[in-house]
Amino acid sequence: MLAAGPAALLAVGLPGCASLGGSASTEPDAALRAVLAAPHRSEANRARDVWRNPGPTLAFFGIRPTLTVVELSPGGAWYSEILAPYLRTSGKLYLAHFPADSANANMRRSRANFAERMAKAPELYDKAVLATLPTATGAPEVPAGSADLVLTFRNVHNWVSDKSLDDKLRGCFAMLKPGGVLGVVDHRANPGTTLEAMAKSGYVTEAFMEERARAAGFVLAAKSEINANPKDTKDHPNGVWTLPPTFARKEVERERYAAIGESDRFTHRYVKPA
């Protein structure tokens, strides 16, 4: 894994864009450091900080405690339990999940389980809003043009598979204020990987991500290598799910995959032009 620093950061000049889009710092503020060290975070979740780098990643995206933030597909709430207390006093957090009326029973169940998780921890989530993933026109609970920051962590490959990526990106564009930021982290495929291979392996090329973001109206503001892992060869039999934390092959070569660690990931910051 590469350390953050000048060699790990590529910033693209954006004359006229808001300061949030132009920020390039990877140093978390004191409030964020306090949340990361807070006792509500389990030891298991803290152990993944070395791979997910939440402080530098959120700082790179321009997080501030007064912002309106949308997290897409919050999953097991790994990032949500950081964002919710950080934004609780002065900001606003929307957690955009599957539709409550989805035709897919597993999706309905997943959303209900997440709602239960929020209800059991009001000290974290009492000010957060359980919202719905965006369609091409935005999310119904998030007013158009109201969000400062939309975040997605390791979800793009799923939207490649279900062919919803373009609609999701257009919806993000609709939710954001002019000058607002879309922050994206995902498993990085080798250049030239086909769309079919991306959908199968869970790895996405940076070029494809940039192309689809541009098509939705975004401008690439900066890239960072803070979530890179050069040990990841990306040629695993079960794709990215071969590696921790999933270990799709169970005990087969588990030590080998554990030694590689979590996947190599790109980290992109896009801006909705002002």
Protein backbone atom coordinates (compact mmCIF):
# COMPACT_ATOMS: atom_id res chain seq x y z
CA MET A 1 0.00 0.00 0.00
CA LEU A 2 1.38 3.39 -0.96
CA ALA A 3 1.56 6.20 1.54
CA ALA A 4 -0.25 9.45 0.85
CA GLY A 5 1.94 12.34 -0.17
CA PRO A 6 2.99 14.43 -3.16
CA ALA A 7 3.92 11.36 -5.21
CA ALA A 8 0.58 9.74 -4.42
CA LEU A 9 -1.61 12.60 -5.57
CA LEU A 10 -2.54 13.99 -8.97
CA ALA A 11 -4.58 17.17 -8.95
CA VAL A 12 -6.23 18.62 -12.05
CA GLY A 13 -6.69 22.38 -12.15
CA LEU A 14 -10.31 23.52 -12.28
CA PRO A 15 -10.55 27.30 -12.70
CA GLY A 16 -13.81 28.65 -11.36
CA CYS A 17 -14.78 25.52 -9.38
CA ALA A 18 -15.75 25.65 -5.71
CA SER A 19 -13.02 25.16 -3.12
CA LEU A 20 -14.40 21.75 -2.17
CA GLY A 21 -13.63 20.44 -5.64
CA GLY A 22 -10.22 22.06 -5.67
CA SER A 23 -9.05 20.72 -2.29
CA ALA A 24 -6.19 18.21 -2.39
CA SER A 25 -5.34 17.66 1.30
CA THR A 26 -5.23 14.15 2.74
CA GLU A 27 -4.85 15.28 6.35
CA PRO A 28 -8.02 14.59 8.41
CA ASP A 29 -9.19 17.34 10.74
CA ALA A 30 -9.32 16.96 14.52
CA ALA A 31 -13.04 16.13 14.54
CA LEU A 32 -12.56 13.32 12.06
CA ARG A 33 -9.58 11.94 13.95
CA ALA A 34 -11.70 11.92 17.11
CA VAL A 35 -14.49 9.94 15.39
CA LEU A 36 -11.99 7.42 14.01
CA ALA A 37 -10.67 6.86 17.53
CA ALA A 38 -14.10 6.73 19.19
CA PRO A 39 -15.14 3.58 21.11
CA HIS A 40 -18.24 2.88 18.99
CA ARG A 41 -15.97 1.54 16.25
CA SER A 42 -15.29 -2.17 16.70
CA GLU A 43 -11.80 -3.63 16.70
CA ALA A 44 -12.67 -5.48 13.49
CA ASN A 45 -13.59 -2.25 11.75
CA ARG A 46 -10.52 -0.42 13.05
CA ALA A 47 -8.35 -3.26 11.75
CA ARG A 48 -9.45 -2.42 8.21
CA ASP A 49 -8.30 1.20 8.47
CA VAL A 50 -4.91 0.14 7.14
CA TRP A 51 -6.59 -0.86 3.86
CA ARG A 52 -9.45 1.63 3.66
CA ASN A 53 -7.59 4.71 4.95
CA PRO A 54 -10.78 6.50 6.00
CA GLY A 55 -9.14 9.65 7.38
CA PRO A 56 -6.98 10.50 4.35
CA THR A 57 -9.68 9.33 1.93
CA LEU A 58 -12.42 11.52 3.38
CA ALA A 59 -10.00 14.44 3.69
CA PHE A 60 -9.06 14.02 0.02
CA PHE A 61 -12.75 14.21 -0.92
CA GLY A 62 -13.00 17.50 1.01
CA ILE A 63 -15.13 16.35 3.94
CA ARG A 64 -16.10 19.01 6.47
CA PRO A 65 -18.52 18.70 9.41
CA THR A 66 -20.90 21.33 7.98
CA LEU A 67 -21.51 19.63 4.64
CA THR A 68 -24.52 17.83 3.23
CA VAL A 69 -23.25 14.35 2.31
CA VAL A 70 -24.85 11.38 0.55
CA GLU A 71 -23.33 7.92 0.98
CA LEU A 72 -24.45 5.46 -1.69
CA SER A 73 -25.00 1.77 -0.85
CA PRO A 74 -23.75 1.95 2.75
CA GLY A 75 -23.58 -1.85 3.06
CA GLY A 76 -22.42 -2.88 6.52
CA ALA A 77 -22.17 0.76 7.68
CA TRP A 78 -18.37 0.70 7.82
CA TYR A 79 -18.16 4.28 6.55
CA SER A 80 -21.60 5.27 7.84
CA GLU A 81 -20.52 4.87 11.47
CA ILE A 82 -17.77 7.40 10.75
CA LEU A 83 -19.82 9.84 8.71
CA ALA A 84 -22.91 9.92 10.94
CA PRO A 85 -21.28 11.19 14.15
CA TYR A 86 -18.92 13.47 12.22
CA LEU A 87 -21.83 15.25 10.48
CA ARG A 88 -24.37 14.89 13.30
CA THR A 89 -24.09 18.34 14.88
CA SER A 90 -23.55 20.73 11.98
CA GLY A 91 -24.02 18.77 8.74
CA LYS A 92 -26.50 16.47 7.05
CA LEU A 93 -26.12 12.80 6.08
CA TYR A 94 -28.26 10.81 3.68
CA LEU A 95 -27.65 7.05 3.54
CA ALA A 96 -28.93 5.95 0.13
CA HIS A 97 -30.01 2.32 0.16
CA PHE A 98 -32.11 -0.01 -1.98
CA PRO A 99 -35.73 1.05 -2.55
CA ALA A 100 -38.09 0.02 0.23
CA ASP A 101 -40.50 -1.31 -2.40
CA SER A 102 -37.89 -3.14 -4.48
CA ALA A 103 -39.14 -6.18 -6.38
CA ASN A 104 -36.06 -8.01 -5.09
CA ALA A 105 -36.74 -9.57 -1.67
CA ASN A 106 -33.04 -9.58 -0.74
CA MET A 107 -32.81 -5.85 -1.42
CA ARG A 108 -35.90 -5.15 0.69
CA ARG A 109 -34.46 -7.27 3.48
CA SER A 110 -31.10 -5.51 3.26
CA ARG A 111 -32.71 -2.09 3.57
CA ALA A 112 -34.87 -3.22 6.50
CA ASN A 113 -31.80 -4.60 8.27
CA PHE A 114 -29.99 -1.32 7.76
CA ALA A 115 -32.96 0.64 9.10
CA GLU A 116 -32.90 -1.61 12.18
CA ARG A 117 -29.17 -0.96 12.59
CA MET A 118 -29.82 2.79 12.55
CA ALA A 119 -32.68 2.50 15.05
CA LYS A 120 -30.49 0.57 17.49
CA ALA A 121 -27.81 3.29 17.51
CA PRO A 122 -29.65 6.63 17.79
CA GLU A 123 -26.53 8.20 19.30
CA LEU A 124 -25.00 7.81 15.83
CA TYR A 125 -27.90 7.89 13.39
CA ASP A 126 -30.69 9.97 14.90
CA LYS A 127 -29.94 12.88 12.54
CA ALA A 128 -29.14 10.73 9.48
CA VAL A 129 -31.77 10.15 6.79
CA LEU A 130 -32.31 6.71 5.27
CA ALA A 131 -32.72 7.52 1.59
CA THR A 132 -32.98 5.63 -1.69
CA LEU A 133 -30.30 5.03 -4.30
CA PRO A 134 -30.55 7.52 -7.15
CA THR A 135 -32.06 6.90 -10.52
CA ALA A 136 -31.10 9.10 -13.48
CA THR A 137 -33.02 12.03 -11.95
CA GLY A 138 -31.67 11.86 -8.39
CA ALA A 139 -32.92 10.36 -5.14
CA PRO A 140 -36.45 11.20 -3.97
CA GLU A 141 -35.40 12.08 -0.41
CA VAL A 142 -32.45 14.26 -1.47
CA PRO A 143 -33.47 17.64 -2.91
CA ALA A 144 -31.96 18.35 -6.31
CA GLY A 145 -28.87 20.51 -6.13
CA SER A 146 -28.59 20.19 -2.33
CA ALA A 147 -25.62 17.88 -1.72
CA ASP A 148 -22.06 19.07 -1.27
CA LEU A 149 -20.55 15.62 -1.46
CA VAL A 150 -21.70 12.23 -2.77
CA LEU A 151 -19.58 9.22 -1.81
CA THR A 152 -19.38 5.69 -3.14
CA PHE A 153 -17.01 3.07 -1.79
CA ARG A 154 -16.48 -0.13 -3.83
CA ASN A 155 -19.89 -0.02 -5.52
CA VAL A 156 -19.10 0.91 -9.11
CA HIS A 157 -18.31 -2.68 -10.10
CA ASN A 158 -21.80 -3.74 -8.96
CA TRP A 159 -23.37 -1.03 -11.12
CA VAL A 160 -21.26 -2.18 -14.05
CA SER A 161 -22.68 -5.67 -13.55
CA ASP A 162 -26.33 -4.58 -13.32
CA LYS A 163 -25.89 -1.92 -16.04
CA SER A 164 -27.12 0.90 -13.76
CA LEU A 165 -23.87 2.90 -13.58
CA ASP A 166 -24.88 5.63 -16.03
CA ASP A 167 -28.20 6.21 -14.29
CA LYS A 168 -26.49 6.29 -10.88
CA LEU A 169 -23.97 8.87 -12.09
CA ARG A 170 -26.63 11.08 -13.65
CA GLY A 171 -28.56 10.87 -10.38
CA CYS A 172 -25.46 11.92 -8.43
CA PHE A 173 -25.03 14.88 -10.76
CA ALA A 174 -28.65 15.91 -10.13
CA MET A 175 -28.25 15.72 -6.33
CA LEU A 176 -25.06 17.79 -6.17
CA LYS A 177 -24.75 21.53 -5.93
CA PRO A 178 -22.72 23.25 -8.66
CA GLY A 179 -19.12 22.81 -7.52
CA GLY A 180 -20.09 19.75 -5.47
CA VAL A 181 -17.95 16.61 -5.38
CA LEU A 182 -18.47 12.97 -6.29
CA GLY A 183 -15.92 10.81 -4.43
CA VAL A 184 -15.30 7.35 -5.84
CA VAL A 185 -13.22 4.43 -4.50
CA ASP A 186 -13.25 1.11 -6.33
CA HIS A 187 -11.20 -1.95 -7.16
CA ARG A 188 -8.76 -1.03 -9.95
CA ALA A 189 -8.52 -3.21 -13.06
CA ASN A 190 -5.47 -3.27 -15.28
CA PRO A 191 -5.70 -0.93 -18.29
CA GLY A 192 -7.42 -2.56 -21.25
CA THR A 193 -9.61 -4.90 -19.19
CA THR A 194 -12.84 -5.59 -21.07
CA LEU A 195 -16.26 -4.62 -19.76
CA GLU A 196 -17.18 -8.29 -19.50
CA ALA A 197 -14.06 -9.01 -17.42
CA MET A 198 -14.80 -6.02 -15.18
CA ALA A 199 -18.29 -7.29 -14.46
CA LYS A 200 -16.96 -10.77 -13.69
CA SER A 201 -13.90 -9.85 -11.63
CA GLY A 202 -15.13 -6.81 -9.68
CA TYR A 203 -12.19 -4.72 -10.90
CA VAL A 204 -12.89 -1.54 -12.91
CA THR A 205 -10.45 0.39 -15.08
CA GLU A 206 -9.80 4.02 -14.23
CA ALA A 207 -10.30 4.96 -17.88
CA PHE A 208 -13.80 3.47 -17.88
CA MET A 209 -14.72 5.26 -14.66
CA GLU A 210 -13.48 8.57 -16.03
CA GLU A 211 -15.32 8.06 -19.32
CA ARG A 212 -18.66 7.34 -17.67
CA ALA A 213 -18.27 10.21 -15.19
CA ARG A 214 -17.56 12.62 -18.06
CA ALA A 215 -20.62 11.34 -19.90
CA ALA A 216 -22.72 12.24 -16.84
CA GLY A 217 -21.33 15.80 -16.83
CA PHE A 218 -18.54 15.50 -14.24
CA VAL A 219 -15.01 16.85 -14.49
CA LEU A 220 -12.14 14.90 -12.97
CA ALA A 221 -10.58 17.09 -10.27
CA ALA A 222 -7.93 14.80 -8.78
CA LYS A 223 -6.75 11.25 -8.26
CA SER A 224 -4.98 9.77 -5.26
CA GLU A 225 -3.02 6.57 -4.63
CA ILE A 226 -3.90 6.46 -0.93
CA ASN A 227 -5.89 3.23 -1.45
CA ALA A 228 -3.42 1.55 -3.78
CA ASN A 229 -2.03 -1.94 -3.11
CA PRO A 230 0.78 -2.92 -5.51
CA LYS A 231 0.75 -6.50 -4.15
CA ASP A 232 -2.62 -7.14 -5.79
CA THR A 233 -2.01 -8.99 -9.08
CA LYS A 234 -5.73 -8.89 -10.00
CA ASP A 235 -5.67 -12.34 -11.58
CA HIS A 236 -7.43 -14.28 -8.82
CA PRO A 237 -9.75 -17.23 -9.55
CA ASN A 238 -12.75 -15.59 -7.87
CA GLY A 239 -11.90 -12.03 -8.82
CA VAL A 240 -11.62 -9.42 -6.11
CA TRP A 241 -13.69 -11.61 -3.77
CA THR A 242 -10.73 -14.01 -3.53
CA LEU A 243 -8.97 -11.48 -1.31
CA PRO A 244 -9.81 -10.42 2.23
CA PRO A 245 -12.21 -9.72 3.73
CA THR A 246 -14.36 -12.09 1.61
CA PHE A 247 -11.90 -14.98 1.08
CA ALA A 248 -14.18 -16.60 -1.51
CA ARG A 249 -11.95 -19.71 -1.63
CA LYS A 250 -12.34 -20.16 2.15
CA GLU A 251 -9.20 -21.94 3.42
CA VAL A 252 -7.63 -22.59 -0.01
CA GLU A 253 -4.40 -20.54 -0.14
CA ARG A 254 -5.85 -18.31 2.55
CA GLU A 255 -2.43 -17.29 3.89
CA ARG A 256 -1.32 -16.27 0.42
CA TYR A 257 -4.34 -14.03 -0.11
CA ALA A 258 -4.13 -12.63 3.39
CA ALA A 259 -0.53 -11.64 2.67
CA ILE A 260 -1.69 -9.71 -0.41
CA GLY A 261 -4.29 -7.88 1.63
CA GLU A 262 -7.33 -6.04 0.35
CA SER A 263 -7.58 -5.02 -3.29
CA ASP A 264 -5.72 -2.34 -5.20
CA ARG A 265 -8.13 0.62 -5.42
CA PHE A 266 -8.35 3.86 -7.31
CA THR A 267 -9.56 7.01 -5.57
CA HIS A 268 -11.09 9.73 -7.77
CA ARG A 269 -12.60 13.10 -6.99
CA TYR A 270 -15.02 14.48 -9.59
CA VAL A 271 -16.71 17.88 -9.63
CA LYS A 272 -20.02 19.10 -10.95
CA PRO A 273 -18.98 22.27 -12.82
CA ALA A 274 -20.10 25.52 -11.23
